[in-house]
PDB file of N, CA and C in Angstrom:
ATOM      1  N   MET A   1      63.711 -20.657 -27.915  1.00  0.00           N
ATOM      2  CA  MET A   1      64.018 -22.058 -27.761  1.00  0.00           C
ATOM      3  C   MET A   1      65.376 -22.213 -27.073  1.00  0.00           C
ATOM      4  N   ARG A   2      66.298 -21.356 -27.484  1.00  0.00           N
ATOM      5  CA  ARG A   2      67.638 -21.436 -26.902  1.00  0.00           C
ATOM      6  C   ARG A   2      67.602 -21.139 -25.400  1.00  0.00           C
ATOM      7  N   LEU A   3      66.774 -20.177 -24.978  1.00  0.00           N
ATOM      8  CA  LEU A   3      66.651 -19.865 -23.547  1.00  0.00           C
ATOM      9  C   LEU A   3      66.061 -21.048 -22.786  1.00  0.00           C
ATOM     10  N   LEU A   4      65.088 -21.706 -23.375  1.00  0.00           N
ATOM     11  CA  LEU A   4      64.496 -22.883 -22.752  1.00  0.00           C
ATOM     12  C   LEU A   4      65.535 -23.979 -22.579  1.00  0.00           C
ATOM     13  N   VAL A   5      66.308 -24.219 -23.616  1.00  0.00           N
ATOM     14  CA  VAL A   5      67.345 -25.253 -23.563  1.00  0.00           C
ATOM     15  C   VAL A   5      68.374 -24.908 -22.500  1.00  0.00           C
ATOM     16  N   ARG A   6      68.796 -23.647 -22.457  1.00  0.00           N
ATOM     17  CA  ARG A   6      69.771 -23.240 -21.433  1.00  0.00           C
ATOM     18  C   ARG A   6      69.204 -23.433 -20.026  1.00  0.00           C
ATOM     19  N   GLY A   7      67.934 -23.073 -19.844  1.00  0.00           N
ATOM     20  CA  GLY A   7      67.294 -23.257 -18.529  1.00  0.00           C
ATOM     21  C   GLY A   7      67.268 -24.727 -18.133  1.00  0.00           C
ATOM     22  N   LEU A   8      66.916 -25.589 -19.079  1.00  0.00           N
ATOM     23  CA  LEU A   8      66.895 -27.028 -18.790  1.00  0.00           C
ATOM     24  C   LEU A   8      68.290 -27.553 -18.495  1.00  0.00           C
ATOM     25  N   LEU A   9      69.267 -27.045 -19.226  1.00  0.00           N
ATOM     26  CA  LEU A   9      70.652 -27.452 -18.999  1.00  0.00           C
ATOM     27  C   LEU A   9      71.111 -27.046 -17.601  1.00  0.00           C
ATOM     28  N   ASN A  10      70.815 -25.825 -17.194  1.00  0.00           N
ATOM     29  CA  ASN A  10      71.183 -25.362 -15.849  1.00  0.00           C
ATOM     30  C   ASN A  10      70.483 -26.198 -14.772  1.00  0.00           C
ATOM     31  N   GLN A  11      69.231 -26.532 -15.013  1.00  0.00           N
ATOM     32  CA  GLN A  11      68.477 -27.339 -14.066  1.00  0.00           C
ATOM     33  C   GLN A  11      69.084 -28.746 -13.968  1.00  0.00           C
ATOM     34  N   ALA A  12      69.493 -29.294 -15.099  1.00  0.00           N
ATOM     35  CA  ALA A  12      70.098 -30.626 -15.099  1.00  0.00           C
ATOM     36  C   ALA A  12      71.420 -30.628 -14.355  1.00  0.00           C
ATOM     37  N   ARG A  13      72.177 -29.560 -14.497  1.00  0.00           N
ATOM     38  CA  ARG A  13      73.470 -29.480 -13.810  1.00  0.00           C
ATOM     39  C   ARG A  13      73.289 -29.365 -12.305  1.00  0.00           C
ATOM     40  N   ALA A  14      72.208 -28.731 -11.859  1.00  0.00           N
ATOM     41  CA  ALA A  14      71.972 -28.535 -10.435  1.00  0.00           C
ATOM     42  C   ALA A  14      71.429 -29.799  -9.775  1.00  0.00           C
ATOM     43  N   SER A  15      70.849 -30.702 -10.561  1.00  0.00           N
ATOM     44  CA  SER A  15      70.255 -31.918 -10.001  1.00  0.00           C
ATOM     45  C   SER A  15      71.293 -33.036  -9.979  1.00  0.00           C
ATOM     46  N   PRO A  16      70.980 -34.135  -9.276  1.00  0.00           N
ATOM     47  CA  PRO A  16      71.910 -35.278  -9.249  1.00  0.00           C
ATOM     48  C   PRO A  16      72.136 -35.835 -10.656  1.00  0.00           C
ATOM     49  N   ALA A  17      73.085 -36.742 -10.766  1.00  0.00           N
ATOM     50  CA  ALA A  17      73.433 -37.320 -12.070  1.00  0.00           C
ATOM     51  C   ALA A  17      72.199 -37.891 -12.754  1.00  0.00           C
ATOM     52  N   PRO A  18      72.062 -37.650 -14.058  1.00  0.00           N
ATOM     53  CA  PRO A  18      70.888 -38.147 -14.765  1.00  0.00           C
ATOM     54  C   PRO A  18      70.881 -39.669 -14.877  1.00  0.00           C
ATOM     55  N   VAL A  19      69.689 -40.219 -14.918  1.00  0.00           N
ATOM     56  CA  VAL A  19      69.529 -41.651 -15.089  1.00  0.00           C
ATOM     57  C   VAL A  19      69.317 -41.911 -16.569  1.00  0.00           C
ATOM     58  N   PRO A  20      70.109 -42.797 -17.201  1.00  0.00           N
ATOM     59  CA  PRO A  20      69.925 -43.054 -18.627  1.00  0.00           C
ATOM     60  C   PRO A  20      68.554 -43.664 -18.894  1.00  0.00           C
ATOM     61  N   VAL A  21      67.915 -43.206 -19.963  1.00  0.00           N
ATOM     62  CA  VAL A  21      66.580 -43.678 -20.301  1.00  0.00           C
ATOM     63  C   VAL A  21      66.643 -45.080 -20.873  1.00  0.00           C
ATOM     64  N   SER A  22      67.498 -45.305 -21.853  1.00  0.00           N
ATOM     65  CA  SER A  22      67.599 -46.651 -22.422  1.00  0.00           C
ATOM     66  C   SER A  22      69.030 -46.949 -22.834  1.00  0.00           C
ATOM     67  N   GLY A  23      69.951 -46.521 -22.052  1.00  0.00           N
ATOM     68  CA  GLY A  23      71.353 -46.811 -22.321  1.00  0.00           C
ATOM     69  C   GLY A  23      71.972 -45.816 -23.280  1.00  0.00           C
ATOM     70  N   PRO A  24      73.251 -46.008 -23.601  1.00  0.00           N
ATOM     71  CA  PRO A  24      73.954 -45.044 -24.436  1.00  0.00           C
ATOM     72  C   PRO A  24      73.518 -45.070 -25.896  1.00  0.00           C
ATOM     73  N   ASP A  25      72.921 -46.175 -26.350  1.00  0.00           N
ATOM     74  CA  ASP A  25      72.546 -46.292 -27.746  1.00  0.00           C
ATOM     75  C   ASP A  25      71.062 -45.987 -27.924  1.00  0.00           C
ATOM     76  N   LEU A  26      70.662 -44.787 -27.582  1.00  0.00           N
ATOM     77  CA  LEU A  26      69.266 -44.378 -27.683  1.00  0.00           C
ATOM     78  C   LEU A  26      68.915 -44.146 -29.144  1.00  0.00           C
ATOM     79  N   SER A  27      68.002 -44.945 -29.679  1.00  0.00           N
ATOM     80  CA  SER A  27      67.594 -44.757 -31.070  1.00  0.00           C
ATOM     81  C   SER A  27      66.179 -44.204 -31.089  1.00  0.00           C
ATOM     82  N   VAL A  28      65.987 -43.159 -31.870  1.00  0.00           N
ATOM     83  CA  VAL A  28      64.710 -42.464 -31.947  1.00  0.00           C
ATOM     84  C   VAL A  28      64.353 -42.295 -33.410  1.00  0.00           C
ATOM     85  N   ALA A  29      63.095 -42.514 -33.730  1.00  0.00           N
ATOM     86  CA  ALA A  29      62.637 -42.303 -35.108  1.00  0.00           C
ATOM     87  C   ALA A  29      62.855 -40.844 -35.462  1.00  0.00           C
ATOM     88  N   PRO A  30      63.480 -40.559 -36.612  1.00  0.00           N
ATOM     89  CA  PRO A  30      63.813 -39.182 -36.984  1.00  0.00           C
ATOM     90  C   PRO A  30      62.602 -38.239 -36.997  1.00  0.00           C
ATOM     91  N   GLU A  31      61.421 -38.748 -37.346  1.00  0.00           N
ATOM     92  CA  GLU A  31      60.251 -37.873 -37.407  1.00  0.00           C
ATOM     93  C   GLU A  31      59.775 -37.422 -36.020  1.00  0.00           C
ATOM     94  N   LEU A  32      60.277 -38.052 -34.950  1.00  0.00           N
ATOM     95  CA  LEU A  32      59.904 -37.663 -33.592  1.00  0.00           C
ATOM     96  C   LEU A  32      60.843 -36.616 -33.000  1.00  0.00           C
ATOM     97  N   VAL A  33      61.998 -36.408 -33.630  1.00  0.00           N
ATOM     98  CA  VAL A  33      62.983 -35.456 -33.107  1.00  0.00           C
ATOM     99  C   VAL A  33      62.577 -34.038 -33.494  1.00  0.00           C
ATOM    100  N   VAL A  34      62.336 -33.207 -32.484  1.00  0.00           N
ATOM    101  CA  VAL A  34      61.971 -31.815 -32.696  1.00  0.00           C
ATOM    102  C   VAL A  34      63.228 -30.952 -32.718  1.00  0.00           C
ATOM    103  N   LEU A  35      64.181 -31.277 -31.854  1.00  0.00           N
ATOM    104  CA  LEU A  35      65.417 -30.515 -31.755  1.00  0.00           C
ATOM    105  C   LEU A  35      66.556 -31.468 -31.427  1.00  0.00           C
ATOM    106  N   ASP A  36      67.649 -31.365 -32.153  1.00  0.00           N
ATOM    107  CA  ASP A  36      68.848 -32.153 -31.891  1.00  0.00           C
ATOM    108  C   ASP A  36      70.008 -31.181 -31.973  1.00  0.00           C
ATOM    109  N   THR A  37      70.557 -30.817 -30.823  1.00  0.00           N
ATOM    110  CA  THR A  37      71.622 -29.817 -30.804  1.00  0.00           C
ATOM    111  C   THR A  37      72.642 -30.153 -29.718  1.00  0.00           C
ATOM    112  N   GLU A  38      73.779 -29.512 -29.812  1.00  0.00           N
ATOM    113  CA  GLU A  38      74.803 -29.659 -28.790  1.00  0.00           C
ATOM    114  C   GLU A  38      74.998 -28.295 -28.143  1.00  0.00           C
ATOM    115  N   LEU A  39      75.064 -28.285 -26.831  1.00  0.00           N
ATOM    116  CA  LEU A  39      75.218 -27.035 -26.090  1.00  0.00           C
ATOM    117  C   LEU A  39      76.148 -27.293 -24.918  1.00  0.00           C
ATOM    118  N   ASP A  40      77.209 -26.543 -24.843  1.00  0.00           N
ATOM    119  CA  ASP A  40      78.187 -26.673 -23.770  1.00  0.00           C
ATOM    120  C   ASP A  40      78.669 -28.120 -23.601  1.00  0.00           C
ATOM    121  N   GLY A  41      78.921 -28.790 -24.731  1.00  0.00           N
ATOM    122  CA  GLY A  41      79.457 -30.145 -24.686  1.00  0.00           C
ATOM    123  C   GLY A  41      78.449 -31.250 -24.429  1.00  0.00           C
ATOM    124  N   LEU A  42      77.163 -30.907 -24.338  1.00  0.00           N
ATOM    125  CA  LEU A  42      76.128 -31.920 -24.124  1.00  0.00           C
ATOM    126  C   LEU A  42      75.200 -31.986 -25.324  1.00  0.00           C
ATOM    127  N   ARG A  43      74.868 -33.197 -25.748  1.00  0.00           N
ATOM    128  CA  ARG A  43      73.903 -33.358 -26.836  1.00  0.00           C
ATOM    129  C   ARG A  43      72.509 -33.339 -26.234  1.00  0.00           C
ATOM    130  N   LEU A  44      71.663 -32.483 -26.793  1.00  0.00           N
ATOM    131  CA  LEU A  44      70.301 -32.335 -26.299  1.00  0.00           C
ATOM    132  C   LEU A  44      69.319 -32.741 -27.381  1.00  0.00           C
ATOM    133  N   LEU A  45      68.403 -33.646 -27.030  1.00  0.00           N
ATOM    134  CA  LEU A  45      67.351 -34.076 -27.937  1.00  0.00           C
ATOM    135  C   LEU A  45      66.003 -33.687 -27.342  1.00  0.00           C
ATOM    136  N   LEU A  46      65.196 -33.044 -28.138  1.00  0.00           N
ATOM    137  CA  LEU A  46      63.817 -32.766 -27.755  1.00  0.00           C
ATOM    138  C   LEU A  46      62.974 -33.677 -28.633  1.00  0.00           C
ATOM    139  N   ILE A  47      62.253 -34.612 -27.997  1.00  0.00           N
ATOM    140  CA  ILE A  47      61.547 -35.656 -28.733  1.00  0.00           C
ATOM    141  C   ILE A  47      60.044 -35.531 -28.502  1.00  0.00           C
ATOM    142  N   ARG A  48      59.294 -35.601 -29.586  1.00  0.00           N
ATOM    143  CA  ARG A  48      57.829 -35.559 -29.518  1.00  0.00           C
ATOM    144  C   ARG A  48      57.325 -36.940 -29.115  1.00  0.00           C
ATOM    145  N   THR A  49      56.458 -36.990 -28.109  1.00  0.00           N
ATOM    146  CA  THR A  49      55.858 -38.254 -27.701  1.00  0.00           C
ATOM    147  C   THR A  49      54.354 -38.061 -27.562  1.00  0.00           C
ATOM    148  N   ASP A  50      53.607 -39.140 -27.721  1.00  0.00           N
ATOM    149  CA  ASP A  50      52.175 -39.110 -27.480  1.00  0.00           C
ATOM    150  C   ASP A  50      51.938 -39.330 -26.002  1.00  0.00           C
ATOM    151  N   ARG A  51      50.863 -38.780 -25.526  1.00  0.00           N
ATOM    152  CA  ARG A  51      50.487 -39.043 -24.146  1.00  0.00           C
ATOM    153  C   ARG A  51      50.114 -40.504 -24.008  1.00  0.00           C
ATOM    154  N   ALA A  52      50.424 -41.050 -22.878  1.00  0.00           N
ATOM    155  CA  ALA A  52      50.007 -42.425 -22.616  1.00  0.00           C
ATOM    156  C   ALA A  52      48.492 -42.442 -22.496  1.00  0.00           C
ATOM    157  N   GLU A  53      47.889 -43.575 -22.822  1.00  0.00           N
ATOM    158  CA  GLU A  53      46.432 -43.706 -22.766  1.00  0.00           C
ATOM    159  C   GLU A  53      45.907 -43.277 -21.402  1.00  0.00           C
ATOM    160  N   SER A  54      46.580 -43.699 -20.337  1.00  0.00           N
ATOM    161  CA  SER A  54      46.094 -43.399 -18.996  1.00  0.00           C
ATOM    162  C   SER A  54      46.239 -41.915 -18.653  1.00  0.00           C
ATOM    163  N   GLU A  55      47.087 -41.195 -19.378  1.00  0.00           N
ATOM    164  CA  GLU A  55      47.287 -39.775 -19.105  1.00  0.00           C
ATOM    165  C   GLU A  55      46.329 -38.888 -19.885  1.00  0.00           C
ATOM    166  N   ARG A  56      45.578 -39.476 -20.806  1.00  0.00           N
ATOM    167  CA  ARG A  56      44.663 -38.693 -21.624  1.00  0.00           C
ATOM    168  C   ARG A  56      43.590 -38.095 -20.716  1.00  0.00           C
ATOM    169  N   PRO A  57      43.298 -36.795 -20.868  1.00  0.00           N
ATOM    170  CA  PRO A  57      42.264 -36.202 -20.031  1.00  0.00           C
ATOM    171  C   PRO A  57      40.925 -36.908 -20.274  1.00  0.00           C
ATOM    172  N   PRO A  58      40.204 -37.220 -19.223  1.00  0.00           N
ATOM    173  CA  PRO A  58      38.938 -37.924 -19.390  1.00  0.00           C
ATOM    174  C   PRO A  58      37.878 -37.011 -20.014  1.00  0.00           C
ATOM    175  N   LEU A  59      36.894 -37.628 -20.633  1.00  0.00           N
ATOM    176  CA  LEU A  59      35.772 -36.848 -21.159  1.00  0.00           C
ATOM    177  C   LEU A  59      34.882 -36.433 -19.998  1.00  0.00           C
ATOM    178  N   SER A  60      34.382 -35.221 -20.077  1.00  0.00           N
ATOM    179  CA  SER A  60      33.432 -34.756 -19.070  1.00  0.00           C
ATOM    180  C   SER A  60      32.092 -35.444 -19.320  1.00  0.00           C
ATOM    181  N   PRO A  61      31.190 -35.420 -18.346  1.00  0.00           N
ATOM    182  CA  PRO A  61      29.871 -36.019 -18.576  1.00  0.00           C
ATOM    183  C   PRO A  61      29.166 -35.408 -19.791  1.00  0.00           C
ATOM    184  N   ARG A  62      29.286 -34.110 -19.995  1.00  0.00           N
ATOM    185  CA  ARG A  62      28.655 -33.457 -21.146  1.00  0.00           C
ATOM    186  C   ARG A  62      29.292 -33.926 -22.455  1.00  0.00           C
ATOM    187  N   GLU A  63      30.621 -34.067 -22.449  1.00  0.00           N
ATOM    188  CA  GLU A  63      31.311 -34.556 -23.646  1.00  0.00           C
ATOM    189  C   GLU A  63      30.873 -35.977 -23.984  1.00  0.00           C
ATOM    190  N   ARG A  64      30.686 -36.811 -22.958  1.00  0.00           N
ATOM    191  CA  ARG A  64      30.213 -38.183 -23.212  1.00  0.00           C
ATOM    192  C   ARG A  64      28.818 -38.164 -23.828  1.00  0.00           C
ATOM    193  N   GLU A  65      27.950 -37.274 -23.322  1.00  0.00           N
ATOM    194  CA  GLU A  65      26.601 -37.143 -23.890  1.00  0.00           C
ATOM    195  C   GLU A  65      26.664 -36.751 -25.359  1.00  0.00           C
ATOM    196  N   ILE A  66      27.481 -35.768 -25.639  1.00  0.00           N
ATOM    197  CA  ILE A  66      27.616 -35.280 -27.014  1.00  0.00           C
ATOM    198  C   ILE A  66      28.201 -36.366 -27.905  1.00  0.00           C
ATOM    199  N   ALA A  67      29.179 -37.101 -27.405  1.00  0.00           N
ATOM    200  CA  ALA A  67      29.785 -38.175 -28.197  1.00  0.00           C
ATOM    201  C   ALA A  67      28.746 -39.236 -28.558  1.00  0.00           C
ATOM    202  N   ARG A  68      27.901 -39.588 -27.605  1.00  0.00           N
ATOM    203  CA  ARG A  68      26.852 -40.579 -27.889  1.00  0.00           C
ATOM    204  C   ARG A  68      25.908 -40.079 -28.981  1.00  0.00           C
ATOM    205  N   MET A  69      25.572 -38.792 -28.934  1.00  0.00           N
ATOM    206  CA  MET A  69      24.667 -38.226 -29.936  1.00  0.00           C
ATOM    207  C   MET A  69      25.336 -38.135 -31.306  1.00  0.00           C
ATOM    208  N   VAL A  70      26.612 -37.792 -31.312  1.00  0.00           N
ATOM    209  CA  VAL A  70      27.362 -37.754 -32.571  1.00  0.00           C
ATOM    210  C   VAL A  70      27.402 -39.161 -33.173  1.00  0.00           C
ATOM    211  N   ALA A  71      27.613 -40.161 -32.329  1.00  0.00           N
ATOM    212  CA  ALA A  71      27.667 -41.544 -32.804  1.00  0.00           C
ATOM    213  C   ALA A  71      26.338 -41.981 -33.421  1.00  0.00           C
ATOM    214  N   ARG A  72      25.232 -41.407 -32.939  1.00  0.00           N
ATOM    215  CA  ARG A  72      23.914 -41.714 -33.514  1.00  0.00           C
ATOM    216  C   ARG A  72      23.654 -40.932 -34.788  1.00  0.00           C
ATOM    217  N   GLY A  73      24.578 -40.021 -35.140  1.00  0.00           N
ATOM    218  CA  GLY A  73      24.453 -39.289 -36.395  1.00  0.00           C
ATOM    219  C   GLY A  73      23.763 -37.947 -36.295  1.00  0.00           C
ATOM    220  N   LEU A  74      23.539 -37.457 -35.078  1.00  0.00           N
ATOM    221  CA  LEU A  74      22.860 -36.165 -34.917  1.00  0.00           C
ATOM    222  C   LEU A  74      23.783 -35.003 -35.274  1.00  0.00           C
ATOM    223  N   PRO A  75      23.279 -34.001 -35.994  1.00  0.00           N
ATOM    224  CA  PRO A  75      24.080 -32.802 -36.280  1.00  0.00           C
ATOM    225  C   PRO A  75      24.127 -31.895 -35.046  1.00  0.00           C
ATOM    226  N   ASN A  76      25.027 -30.921 -35.083  1.00  0.00           N
ATOM    227  CA  ASN A  76      25.198 -30.016 -33.946  1.00  0.00           C
ATOM    228  C   ASN A  76      23.904 -29.332 -33.518  1.00  0.00           C
ATOM    229  N   LYS A  77      23.105 -28.886 -34.478  1.00  0.00           N
ATOM    230  CA  LYS A  77      21.860 -28.189 -34.128  1.00  0.00           C
ATOM    231  C   LYS A  77      20.909 -29.097 -33.362  1.00  0.00           C
ATOM    232  N   ALA A  78      20.819 -30.351 -33.769  1.00  0.00           N
ATOM    233  CA  ALA A  78      19.929 -31.289 -33.074  1.00  0.00           C
ATOM    234  C   ALA A  78      20.454 -31.589 -31.671  1.00  0.00           C
ATOM    235  N   ILE A  79      21.773 -31.752 -31.546  1.00  0.00           N
ATOM    236  CA  ILE A  79      22.385 -31.993 -30.228  1.00  0.00           C
ATOM    237  C   ILE A  79      22.111 -30.799 -29.324  1.00  0.00           C
ATOM    238  N   ALA A  80      22.285 -29.598 -29.869  1.00  0.00           N
ATOM    239  CA  ALA A  80      22.046 -28.373 -29.093  1.00  0.00           C
ATOM    240  C   ALA A  80      20.601 -28.309 -28.613  1.00  0.00           C
ATOM    241  N   ALA A  81      19.655 -28.653 -29.478  1.00  0.00           N
ATOM    242  CA  ALA A  81      18.236 -28.600 -29.109  1.00  0.00           C
ATOM    243  C   ALA A  81      17.921 -29.607 -28.002  1.00  0.00           C
ATOM    244  N   VAL A  82      18.455 -30.805 -28.114  1.00  0.00           N
ATOM    245  CA  VAL A  82      18.198 -31.838 -27.103  1.00  0.00           C
ATOM    246  C   VAL A  82      18.782 -31.432 -25.751  1.00  0.00           C
ATOM    247  N   LEU A  83      19.990 -30.883 -25.766  1.00  0.00           N
ATOM    248  CA  LEU A  83      20.674 -30.527 -24.511  1.00  0.00           C
ATOM    249  C   LEU A  83      20.336 -29.120 -24.019  1.00  0.00           C
ATOM    250  N   ASP A  84      19.569 -28.379 -24.801  1.00  0.00           N
ATOM    251  CA  ASP A  84      19.195 -27.007 -24.477  1.00  0.00           C
ATOM    252  C   ASP A  84      20.425 -26.109 -24.283  1.00  0.00           C
ATOM    253  N   ILE A  85      21.349 -26.226 -25.243  1.00  0.00           N
ATOM    254  CA  ILE A  85      22.534 -25.369 -25.285  1.00  0.00           C
ATOM    255  C   ILE A  85      22.658 -24.852 -26.717  1.00  0.00           C
ATOM    256  N   SER A  86      23.540 -23.900 -26.933  1.00  0.00           N
ATOM    257  CA  SER A  86      23.698 -23.367 -28.290  1.00  0.00           C
ATOM    258  C   SER A  86      24.535 -24.317 -29.145  1.00  0.00           C
ATOM    259  N   SER A  87      24.359 -24.220 -30.453  1.00  0.00           N
ATOM    260  CA  SER A  87      25.172 -25.052 -31.347  1.00  0.00           C
ATOM    261  C   SER A  87      26.642 -24.642 -31.265  1.00  0.00           C
ATOM    262  N   TRP A  88      26.909 -23.388 -30.891  1.00  0.00           N
ATOM    263  CA  TRP A  88      28.291 -22.937 -30.698  1.00  0.00           C
ATOM    264  C   TRP A  88      28.928 -23.688 -29.528  1.00  0.00           C
ATOM    265  N   THR A  89      28.146 -23.918 -28.489  1.00  0.00           N
ATOM    266  CA  THR A  89      28.659 -24.661 -27.329  1.00  0.00           C
ATOM    267  C   THR A  89      28.950 -26.100 -27.709  1.00  0.00           C
ATOM    268  N   VAL A  90      28.084 -26.696 -28.525  1.00  0.00           N
ATOM    269  CA  VAL A  90      28.326 -28.052 -29.008  1.00  0.00           C
ATOM    270  C   VAL A  90      29.634 -28.079 -29.793  1.00  0.00           C
ATOM    271  N   SER A  91      29.821 -27.092 -30.665  1.00  0.00           N
ATOM    272  CA  SER A  91      31.063 -27.015 -31.457  1.00  0.00           C
ATOM    273  C   SER A  91      32.291 -26.896 -30.564  1.00  0.00           C
ATOM    274  N   THR A  92      32.177 -26.117 -29.500  1.00  0.00           N
ATOM    275  CA  THR A  92      33.296 -25.956 -28.569  1.00  0.00           C
ATOM    276  C   THR A  92      33.633 -27.284 -27.905  1.00  0.00           C
ATOM    277  N   HIS A  93      32.599 -27.996 -27.459  1.00  0.00           N
ATOM    278  CA  HIS A  93      32.833 -29.314 -26.854  1.00  0.00           C
ATOM    279  C   HIS A  93      33.514 -30.248 -27.850  1.00  0.00           C
ATOM    280  N   LEU A  94      33.049 -30.242 -29.089  1.00  0.00           N
ATOM    281  CA  LEU A  94      33.638 -31.119 -30.112  1.00  0.00           C
ATOM    282  C   LEU A  94      35.095 -30.764 -30.380  1.00  0.00           C
ATOM    283  N   ARG A  95      35.409 -29.476 -30.471  1.00  0.00           N
ATOM    284  CA  ARG A  95      36.807 -29.067 -30.691  1.00  0.00           C
ATOM    285  C   ARG A  95      37.704 -29.565 -29.561  1.00  0.00           C
ATOM    286  N   ARG A  96      37.216 -29.455 -28.326  1.00  0.00           N
ATOM    287  CA  ARG A  96      38.007 -29.926 -27.181  1.00  0.00           C
ATOM    288  C   ARG A  96      38.189 -31.437 -27.222  1.00  0.00           C
ATOM    289  N   MET A  97      37.145 -32.139 -27.629  1.00  0.00           N
ATOM    290  CA  MET A  97      37.236 -33.594 -27.732  1.00  0.00           C
ATOM    291  C   MET A  97      38.205 -33.995 -28.842  1.00  0.00           C
ATOM    292  N   PHE A  98      38.160 -33.275 -29.966  1.00  0.00           N
ATOM    293  CA  PHE A  98      39.098 -33.545 -31.059  1.00  0.00           C
ATOM    294  C   PHE A  98      40.531 -33.374 -30.566  1.00  0.00           C
ATOM    295  N   ALA A  99      40.768 -32.325 -29.786  1.00  0.00           N
ATOM    296  CA  ALA A  99      42.119 -32.062 -29.275  1.00  0.00           C
ATOM    297  C   ALA A  99      42.561 -33.163 -28.310  1.00  0.00           C
ATOM    298  N   LYS A 100      41.661 -33.617 -27.446  1.00  0.00           N
ATOM    299  CA  LYS A 100      42.013 -34.670 -26.493  1.00  0.00           C
ATOM    300  C   LYS A 100      42.413 -35.960 -27.197  1.00  0.00           C
ATOM    301  N   TYR A 101      41.749 -36.242 -28.299  1.00  0.00           N
ATOM    302  CA  TYR A 101      41.979 -37.510 -28.984  1.00  0.00           C
ATOM    303  C   TYR A 101      42.803 -37.372 -30.258  1.00  0.00           C
ATOM    304  N   HIS A 102      43.317 -36.174 -30.505  1.00  0.00           N
ATOM    305  CA  HIS A 102      44.190 -35.915 -31.659  1.00  0.00           C
ATOM    306  C   HIS A 102      43.543 -36.371 -32.966  1.00  0.00           C
ATOM    307  N   VAL A 103      42.308 -35.956 -33.175  1.00  0.00           N
ATOM    308  CA  VAL A 103      41.571 -36.279 -34.399  1.00  0.00           C
ATOM    309  C   VAL A 103      41.053 -34.988 -35.009  1.00  0.00           C
ATOM    310  N   SER A 104      40.595 -35.081 -36.260  1.00  0.00           N
ATOM    311  CA  SER A 104      40.108 -33.875 -36.926  1.00  0.00           C
ATOM    312  C   SER A 104      38.712 -34.041 -37.518  1.00  0.00           C
ATOM    313  N   SER A 105      38.044 -35.122 -37.180  1.00  0.00           N
ATOM    314  CA  SER A 105      36.683 -35.302 -37.690  1.00  0.00           C
ATOM    315  C   SER A 105      35.832 -36.035 -36.661  1.00  0.00           C
ATOM    316  N   ARG A 106      34.534 -35.906 -36.834  1.00  0.00           N
ATOM    317  CA  ARG A 106      33.582 -36.582 -35.948  1.00  0.00           C
ATOM    318  C   ARG A 106      33.750 -38.100 -36.058  1.00  0.00           C
ATOM    319  N   ALA A 107      33.891 -38.599 -37.287  1.00  0.00           N
ATOM    320  CA  ALA A 107      34.022 -40.040 -37.503  1.00  0.00           C
ATOM    321  C   ALA A 107      35.290 -40.578 -36.830  1.00  0.00           C
ATOM    322  N   ALA A 108      36.387 -39.851 -36.963  1.00  0.00           N
ATOM    323  CA  ALA A 108      37.650 -40.284 -36.340  1.00  0.00           C
ATOM    324  C   ALA A 108      37.531 -40.278 -34.822  1.00  0.00           C
ATOM    325  N   MET A 109      36.832 -39.282 -34.283  1.00  0.00           N
ATOM    326  CA  MET A 109      36.651 -39.199 -32.835  1.00  0.00           C
ATOM    327  C   MET A 109      35.848 -40.399 -32.342  1.00  0.00           C
ATOM    328  N   ILE A 110      34.753 -40.714 -33.028  1.00  0.00           N
ATOM    329  CA  ILE A 110      33.917 -41.834 -32.617  1.00  0.00           C
ATOM    330  C   ILE A 110      34.694 -43.148 -32.737  1.00  0.00           C
ATOM    331  N   ALA A 111      35.445 -43.298 -33.826  1.00  0.00           N
ATOM    332  CA  ALA A 111      36.253 -44.502 -33.996  1.00  0.00           C
ATOM    333  C   ALA A 111      37.246 -44.651 -32.847  1.00  0.00           C
ATOM    334  N   ARG A 112      37.883 -43.561 -32.462  1.00  0.00           N
ATOM    335  CA  ARG A 112      38.857 -43.605 -31.364  1.00  0.00           C
ATOM    336  C   ARG A 112      38.176 -43.949 -30.037  1.00  0.00           C
ATOM    337  N   LEU A 113      37.010 -43.372 -29.787  1.00  0.00           N
ATOM    338  CA  LEU A 113      36.289 -43.662 -28.547  1.00  0.00           C
ATOM    339  C   LEU A 113      35.857 -45.123 -28.495  1.00  0.00           C
ATOM    340  N   VAL A 114      35.407 -45.670 -29.600  1.00  0.00           N
ATOM    341  CA  VAL A 114      35.008 -47.080 -29.664  1.00  0.00           C
ATOM    342  C   VAL A 114      36.240 -47.954 -29.465  1.00  0.00           C
ATOM    343  N   GLU A 115      37.340 -47.596 -30.135  1.00  0.00           N
ATOM    344  CA  GLU A 115      38.591 -48.346 -30.031  1.00  0.00           C
ATOM    345  C   GLU A 115      39.085 -48.420 -28.598  1.00  0.00           C
ATOM    346  N   GLU A 116      38.906 -47.329 -27.856  1.00  0.00           N
ATOM    347  CA  GLU A 116      39.388 -47.275 -26.475  1.00  0.00           C
ATOM    348  C   GLU A 116      38.344 -47.772 -25.480  1.00  0.00           C
ATOM    349  N   GLY A 117      37.211 -48.233 -25.984  1.00  0.00           N
ATOM    350  CA  GLY A 117      36.174 -48.781 -25.115  1.00  0.00           C
ATOM    351  C   GLY A 117      35.380 -47.753 -24.345  1.00  0.00           C
ATOM    352  N   LEU A 118      35.415 -46.508 -24.769  1.00  0.00           N
ATOM    353  CA  LEU A 118      34.698 -45.448 -24.072  1.00  0.00           C
ATOM    354  C   LEU A 118      33.309 -45.197 -24.646  1.00  0.00           C
ATOM    355  N   LEU A 119      33.018 -45.858 -25.750  1.00  0.00           N
ATOM    356  CA  LEU A 119      31.728 -45.685 -26.400  1.00  0.00           C
ATOM    357  C   LEU A 119      31.350 -47.033 -27.000  1.00  0.00           C
ATOM    358  N   HIS A 120      30.114 -47.442 -26.797  1.00  0.00           N
ATOM    359  CA  HIS A 120      29.689 -48.765 -27.279  1.00  0.00           C
ATOM    360  C   HIS A 120      28.752 -48.633 -28.451  1.00  0.00           C
TER     361      HIS A 120
END
């Protein structure tokens, strides 16, 4: 981590003057701060942020198909049979979809897709 911070510090020194993000009184929720340290006279904050909605990787056509089937209540084996793929492949698609939407269950994934208007 220290090497990464030093590399970023060197890169910042080589570039033009930094542009302040929100002025000198930057307030950040403590639970979002990953690292708060001082190095060579500079305070460095590493802050966790969520991806913007528009930056979220889109679902592939196969993922959309699987999401629709999950929303209808089909188990992995039934989805695999309909799509003529293995249930392991269905599980892989679901894991990737969970990661894209930062969820840990089928119900949460479907709720998020409906919330974002990607599933009706």
